[in-house]
Amino acid sequence: MYICICNAVTEKAVRECARNGACSLERLSFELGVGSGCGRCRDCASDVLRDVQGEMNALSGAGA
């Protein structure tokens, strides 16, 4: 699914970028261009970023 139509950024690309260390919407914008056009994707991209961060936190806590 496309998150950012202006820059043709998919949810998969946002998830991958977040897993590779992007920890803010600003970083996603720098890496992928998310939110640099019309800006309508910013909320959705933030939700996906938060989701990935939650998954990563859960995984790191499971090994503790």
PDB file of N, CA and C in Angstrom:
ATOM      1  N   MET A   1       0.839  -1.171   0.000  1.00  0.00           N
ATOM      2  CA  MET A   1       0.000   0.000   0.000  1.00  0.00           C
ATOM      3  C   MET A   1       0.890   1.243   0.000  1.00  0.00           C
ATOM      4  N   TYR A   2       0.465   2.232  -0.756  1.00  0.00           N
ATOM      5  CA  TYR A   2       1.215   3.482  -0.781  1.00  0.00           C
ATOM      6  C   TYR A   2       0.868   4.334   0.430  1.00  0.00           C
ATOM      7  N   ILE A   3       1.901   4.837   1.075  1.00  0.00           N
ATOM      8  CA  ILE A   3       1.744   5.755   2.195  1.00  0.00           C
ATOM      9  C   ILE A   3       1.790   7.187   1.662  1.00  0.00           C
ATOM     10  N   CYS A   4       2.766   7.436   0.805  1.00  0.00           N
ATOM     11  CA  CYS A   4       2.987   8.771   0.244  1.00  0.00           C
ATOM     12  C   CYS A   4       2.833   8.701  -1.280  1.00  0.00           C
ATOM     13  N   ILE A   5       1.739   9.233  -1.760  1.00  0.00           N
ATOM     14  CA  ILE A   5       1.477   9.226  -3.199  1.00  0.00           C
ATOM     15  C   ILE A   5       2.426  10.184  -3.916  1.00  0.00           C
ATOM     16  N   CYS A   6       2.696  11.329  -3.328  1.00  0.00           N
ATOM     17  CA  CYS A   6       3.550  12.341  -3.966  1.00  0.00           C
ATOM     18  C   CYS A   6       4.919  11.785  -4.338  1.00  0.00           C
ATOM     19  N   ASN A   7       5.470  10.925  -3.462  1.00  0.00           N
ATOM     20  CA  ASN A   7       6.815  10.392  -3.679  1.00  0.00           C
ATOM     21  C   ASN A   7       6.830   8.881  -3.881  1.00  0.00           C
ATOM     22  N   ALA A   8       5.656   8.296  -4.104  1.00  0.00           N
ATOM     23  CA  ALA A   8       5.522   6.858  -4.361  1.00  0.00           C
ATOM     24  C   ALA A   8       6.229   6.012  -3.304  1.00  0.00           C
ATOM     25  N   VAL A   9       5.972   6.309  -2.030  1.00  0.00           N
ATOM     26  CA  VAL A   9       6.580   5.577  -0.917  1.00  0.00           C
ATOM     27  C   VAL A   9       5.549   4.594  -0.360  1.00  0.00           C
ATOM     28  N   THR A  10       5.954   3.348  -0.278  1.00  0.00           N
ATOM     29  CA  THR A  10       5.059   2.310   0.212  1.00  0.00           C
ATOM     30  C   THR A  10       5.205   2.099   1.721  1.00  0.00           C
ATOM     31  N   GLU A  11       4.206   1.428   2.284  1.00  0.00           N
ATOM     32  CA  GLU A  11       4.274   1.062   3.701  1.00  0.00           C
ATOM     33  C   GLU A  11       5.482   0.162   3.946  1.00  0.00           C
ATOM     34  N   LYS A  12       5.751  -0.733   3.019  1.00  0.00           N
ATOM     35  CA  LYS A  12       6.909  -1.633   3.141  1.00  0.00           C
ATOM     36  C   LYS A  12       8.206  -0.833   3.242  1.00  0.00           C
ATOM     37  N   ALA A  13       8.346   0.201   2.422  1.00  0.00           N
ATOM     38  CA  ALA A  13       9.557   1.032   2.456  1.00  0.00           C
ATOM     39  C   ALA A  13       9.672   1.778   3.784  1.00  0.00           C
ATOM     40  N   VAL A  14       8.555   2.273   4.305  1.00  0.00           N
ATOM     41  CA  VAL A  14       8.571   2.977   5.593  1.00  0.00           C
ATOM     42  C   VAL A  14       8.964   2.011   6.703  1.00  0.00           C
ATOM     43  N   ARG A  15       8.397   0.809   6.684  1.00  0.00           N
ATOM     44  CA  ARG A  15       8.738  -0.192   7.702  1.00  0.00           C
ATOM     45  C   ARG A  15      10.212  -0.566   7.638  1.00  0.00           C
ATOM     46  N   GLU A  16      10.714  -0.770   6.445  1.00  0.00           N
ATOM     47  CA  GLU A  16      12.129  -1.133   6.284  1.00  0.00           C
ATOM     48  C   GLU A  16      13.039  -0.013   6.781  1.00  0.00           C
ATOM     49  N   CYS A  17      12.710   1.212   6.441  1.00  0.00           N
ATOM     50  CA  CYS A  17      13.513   2.355   6.871  1.00  0.00           C
ATOM     51  C   CYS A  17      13.501   2.461   8.405  1.00  0.00           C
ATOM     52  N   ALA A  18      12.333   2.238   9.007  1.00  0.00           N
ATOM     53  CA  ALA A  18      12.218   2.291  10.464  1.00  0.00           C
ATOM     54  C   ALA A  18      13.039   1.173  11.107  1.00  0.00           C
ATOM     55  N   ARG A  19      12.996  -0.008  10.522  1.00  0.00           N
ATOM     56  CA  ARG A  19      13.784  -1.130  11.057  1.00  0.00           C
ATOM     57  C   ARG A  19      15.280  -0.876  10.914  1.00  0.00           C
ATOM     58  N   ASN A  20      15.650  -0.053   9.957  1.00  0.00           N
ATOM     59  CA  ASN A  20      17.061   0.264   9.732  1.00  0.00           C
ATOM     60  C   ASN A  20      17.525   1.491  10.508  1.00  0.00           C
ATOM     61  N   GLY A  21      16.685   1.975  11.421  1.00  0.00           N
ATOM     62  CA  GLY A  21      17.134   3.017  12.322  1.00  0.00           C
ATOM     63  C   GLY A  21      16.427   4.351  12.273  1.00  0.00           C
ATOM     64  N   ALA A  22      15.559   4.569  11.305  1.00  0.00           N
ATOM     65  CA  ALA A  22      14.822   5.836  11.290  1.00  0.00           C
ATOM     66  C   ALA A  22      13.907   5.873  12.507  1.00  0.00           C
ATOM     67  N   CYS A  23      14.054   6.893  13.336  1.00  0.00           N
ATOM     68  CA  CYS A  23      13.283   6.938  14.573  1.00  0.00           C
ATOM     69  C   CYS A  23      12.390   8.169  14.671  1.00  0.00           C
ATOM     70  N   SER A  24      12.260   8.898  13.565  1.00  0.00           N
ATOM     71  CA  SER A  24      11.400  10.073  13.575  1.00  0.00           C
ATOM     72  C   SER A  24      10.820  10.309  12.188  1.00  0.00           C
ATOM     73  N   LEU A  25       9.757  11.071  12.138  1.00  0.00           N
ATOM     74  CA  LEU A  25       9.161  11.423  10.860  1.00  0.00           C
ATOM     75  C   LEU A  25      10.128  12.253  10.022  1.00  0.00           C
ATOM     76  N   GLU A  26      10.917  13.067  10.682  1.00  0.00           N
ATOM     77  CA  GLU A  26      11.906  13.882   9.981  1.00  0.00           C
ATOM     78  C   GLU A  26      12.939  13.001   9.281  1.00  0.00           C
ATOM     79  N   ARG A  27      13.330  11.922   9.945  1.00  0.00           N
ATOM     80  CA  ARG A  27      14.306  11.004   9.338  1.00  0.00           C
ATOM     81  C   ARG A  27      13.675  10.260   8.157  1.00  0.00           C
ATOM     82  N   LEU A  28      12.417   9.844   8.318  1.00  0.00           N
ATOM     83  CA  LEU A  28      11.720   9.205   7.205  1.00  0.00           C
ATOM     84  C   LEU A  28      11.617  10.161   6.020  1.00  0.00           C
ATOM     85  N   SER A  29      11.366  11.412   6.311  1.00  0.00           N
ATOM     86  CA  SER A  29      11.282  12.417   5.250  1.00  0.00           C
ATOM     87  C   SER A  29      12.620  12.569   4.542  1.00  0.00           C
ATOM     88  N   PHE A  30      13.699  12.602   5.307  1.00  0.00           N
ATOM     89  CA  PHE A  30      15.037  12.726   4.733  1.00  0.00           C
ATOM     90  C   PHE A  30      15.385  11.513   3.873  1.00  0.00           C
ATOM     91  N   GLU A  31      15.102  10.320   4.402  1.00  0.00           N
ATOM     92  CA  GLU A  31      15.466   9.081   3.720  1.00  0.00           C
ATOM     93  C   GLU A  31      14.568   8.773   2.516  1.00  0.00           C
ATOM     94  N   LEU A  32      13.248   8.986   2.685  1.00  0.00           N
ATOM     95  CA  LEU A  32      12.295   8.533   1.685  1.00  0.00           C
ATOM     96  C   LEU A  32      11.507   9.645   0.996  1.00  0.00           C
ATOM     97  N   GLY A  33      11.498  10.820   1.592  1.00  0.00           N
ATOM     98  CA  GLY A  33      10.695  11.913   1.043  1.00  0.00           C
ATOM     99  C   GLY A  33       9.284  11.964   1.593  1.00  0.00           C
ATOM    100  N   VAL A  34       8.973  11.123   2.570  1.00  0.00           N
ATOM    101  CA  VAL A  34       7.633  11.090   3.158  1.00  0.00           C
ATOM    102  C   VAL A  34       7.286  12.459   3.735  1.00  0.00           C
ATOM    103  N   GLY A  35       6.144  12.974   3.380  1.00  0.00           N
ATOM    104  CA  GLY A  35       5.663  14.227   3.940  1.00  0.00           C
ATOM    105  C   GLY A  35       6.257  15.471   3.323  1.00  0.00           C
ATOM    106  N   SER A  36       7.083  15.329   2.318  1.00  0.00           N
ATOM    107  CA  SER A  36       7.717  16.511   1.723  1.00  0.00           C
ATOM    108  C   SER A  36       6.893  17.111   0.583  1.00  0.00           C
ATOM    109  N   GLY A  37       5.809  16.435   0.214  1.00  0.00           N
ATOM    110  CA  GLY A  37       4.918  16.963  -0.819  1.00  0.00           C
ATOM    111  C   GLY A  37       3.739  17.655  -0.162  1.00  0.00           C
ATOM    112  N   CYS A  38       2.562  17.087  -0.343  1.00  0.00           N
ATOM    113  CA  CYS A  38       1.340  17.697   0.195  1.00  0.00           C
ATOM    114  C   CYS A  38       1.228  17.549   1.710  1.00  0.00           C
ATOM    115  N   GLY A  39       1.884  16.521   2.290  1.00  0.00           N
ATOM    116  CA  GLY A  39       1.874  16.334   3.739  1.00  0.00           C
ATOM    117  C   GLY A  39       0.749  15.477   4.279  1.00  0.00           C
ATOM    118  N   ARG A  40      -0.141  15.026   3.423  1.00  0.00           N
ATOM    119  CA  ARG A  40      -1.272  14.222   3.898  1.00  0.00           C
ATOM    120  C   ARG A  40      -0.854  12.874   4.458  1.00  0.00           C
ATOM    121  N   CYS A  41       0.321  12.424   4.115  1.00  0.00           N
ATOM    122  CA  CYS A  41       0.791  11.096   4.543  1.00  0.00           C
ATOM    123  C   CYS A  41       1.454  11.119   5.912  1.00  0.00           C
ATOM    124  N   ARG A  42       1.699  12.276   6.461  1.00  0.00           N
ATOM    125  CA  ARG A  42       2.484  12.368   7.685  1.00  0.00           C
ATOM    126  C   ARG A  42       1.884  11.577   8.846  1.00  0.00           C
ATOM    127  N   ASP A  43       0.572  11.652   9.032  1.00  0.00           N
ATOM    128  CA  ASP A  43      -0.063  10.918  10.132  1.00  0.00           C
ATOM    129  C   ASP A  43       0.064   9.412   9.938  1.00  0.00           C
ATOM    130  N   CYS A  44      -0.181   8.941   8.727  1.00  0.00           N
ATOM    131  CA  CYS A  44      -0.090   7.511   8.440  1.00  0.00           C
ATOM    132  C   CYS A  44       1.347   7.020   8.605  1.00  0.00           C
ATOM    133  N   ALA A  45       2.303   7.777   8.097  1.00  0.00           N
ATOM    134  CA  ALA A  45       3.713   7.396   8.227  1.00  0.00           C
ATOM    135  C   ALA A  45       4.118   7.355   9.701  1.00  0.00           C
ATOM    136  N   SER A  46       3.643   8.295  10.490  1.00  0.00           N
ATOM    137  CA  SER A  46       3.926   8.304  11.933  1.00  0.00           C
ATOM    138  C   SER A  46       3.348   7.075  12.608  1.00  0.00           C
ATOM    139  N   ASP A  47       2.135   6.684  12.208  1.00  0.00           N
ATOM    140  CA  ASP A  47       1.509   5.488  12.779  1.00  0.00           C
ATOM    141  C   ASP A  47       2.324   4.239  12.460  1.00  0.00           C
ATOM    142  N   VAL A  48       2.791   4.122  11.219  1.00  0.00           N
ATOM    143  CA  VAL A  48       3.592   2.969  10.821  1.00  0.00           C
ATOM    144  C   VAL A  48       4.914   2.963  11.587  1.00  0.00           C
ATOM    145  N   LEU A  49       5.537   4.117  11.703  1.00  0.00           N
ATOM    146  CA  LEU A  49       6.789   4.236  12.451  1.00  0.00           C
ATOM    147  C   LEU A  49       6.592   3.799  13.901  1.00  0.00           C
ATOM    148  N   ARG A  50       5.538   4.273  14.527  1.00  0.00           N
ATOM    149  CA  ARG A  50       5.233   3.908  15.919  1.00  0.00           C
ATOM    150  C   ARG A  50       4.975   2.404  16.043  1.00  0.00           C
ATOM    151  N   ASP A  51       4.295   1.835  15.047  1.00  0.00           N
ATOM    152  CA  ASP A  51       4.015   0.409  15.038  1.00  0.00           C
ATOM    153  C   ASP A  51       5.314  -0.400  14.992  1.00  0.00           C
ATOM    154  N   VAL A  52       6.214  -0.024  14.116  1.00  0.00           N
ATOM    155  CA  VAL A  52       7.499  -0.728  13.991  1.00  0.00           C
ATOM    156  C   VAL A  52       8.315  -0.577  15.268  1.00  0.00           C
ATOM    157  N   GLN A  53       8.325   0.608  15.836  1.00  0.00           N
ATOM    158  CA  GLN A  53       9.073   0.822  17.078  1.00  0.00           C
ATOM    159  C   GLN A  53       8.504  -0.048  18.191  1.00  0.00           C
ATOM    160  N   GLY A  54       7.190  -0.195  18.239  1.00  0.00           N
ATOM    161  CA  GLY A  54       6.557  -1.069  19.236  1.00  0.00           C
ATOM    162  C   GLY A  54       6.943  -2.517  19.038  1.00  0.00           C
ATOM    163  N   GLU A  55       6.961  -2.950  17.759  1.00  0.00           N
ATOM    164  CA  GLU A  55       7.383  -4.326  17.458  1.00  0.00           C
ATOM    165  C   GLU A  55       8.830  -4.552  17.886  1.00  0.00           C
ATOM    166  N   MET A  56       9.679  -3.601  17.601  1.00  0.00           N
ATOM    167  CA  MET A  56      11.102  -3.741  17.937  1.00  0.00           C
ATOM    168  C   MET A  56      11.305  -3.742  19.445  1.00  0.00           C
ATOM    169  N   ASN A  57      10.550  -2.911  20.165  1.00  0.00           N
ATOM    170  CA  ASN A  57      10.635  -2.881  21.631  1.00  0.00           C
ATOM    171  C   ASN A  57      10.165  -4.200  22.229  1.00  0.00           C
ATOM    172  N   ALA A  58       9.095  -4.752  21.656  1.00  0.00           N
ATOM    173  CA  ALA A  58       8.571  -6.026  22.146  1.00  0.00           C
ATOM    174  C   ALA A  58       9.584  -7.138  21.930  1.00  0.00           C
ATOM    175  N   LEU A  59      10.230  -7.139  20.774  1.00  0.00           N
ATOM    176  CA  LEU A  59      11.234  -8.168  20.485  1.00  0.00           C
ATOM    177  C   LEU A  59      12.444  -8.048  21.397  1.00  0.00           C
ATOM    178  N   SER A  60      12.880  -6.822  21.640  1.00  0.00           N
ATOM    179  CA  SER A  60      14.052  -6.650  22.493  1.00  0.00           C
ATOM    180  C   SER A  60      13.737  -6.970  23.950  1.00  0.00           C
ATOM    181  N   GLY A  61      12.499  -6.754  24.355  1.00  0.00           N
ATOM    182  CA  GLY A  61      12.087  -7.096  25.711  1.00  0.00           C
ATOM    183  C   GLY A  61      11.878  -8.569  25.900  1.00  0.00           C
ATOM    184  N   ALA A  62      11.555  -9.285  24.830  1.00  0.00           N
ATOM    185  CA  ALA A  62      11.302 -10.724  24.917  1.00  0.00           C
ATOM    186  C   ALA A  62      12.579 -11.498  25.215  1.00  0.00           C
ATOM    187  N   GLY A  63      13.723 -10.964  24.786  1.00  0.00           N
ATOM    188  CA  GLY A  63      14.983 -11.642  25.014  1.00  0.00           C
ATOM    189  C   GLY A  63      15.607 -11.334  26.356  1.00  0.00           C
ATOM    190  N   ALA A  64      15.015 -10.425  27.096  1.00  0.00           N
ATOM    191  CA  ALA A  64      15.609  -9.996  28.376  1.00  0.00           C
ATOM    192  C   ALA A  64      15.295 -10.946  29.502  1.00  0.00           C
TER     193      ALA A  64
END
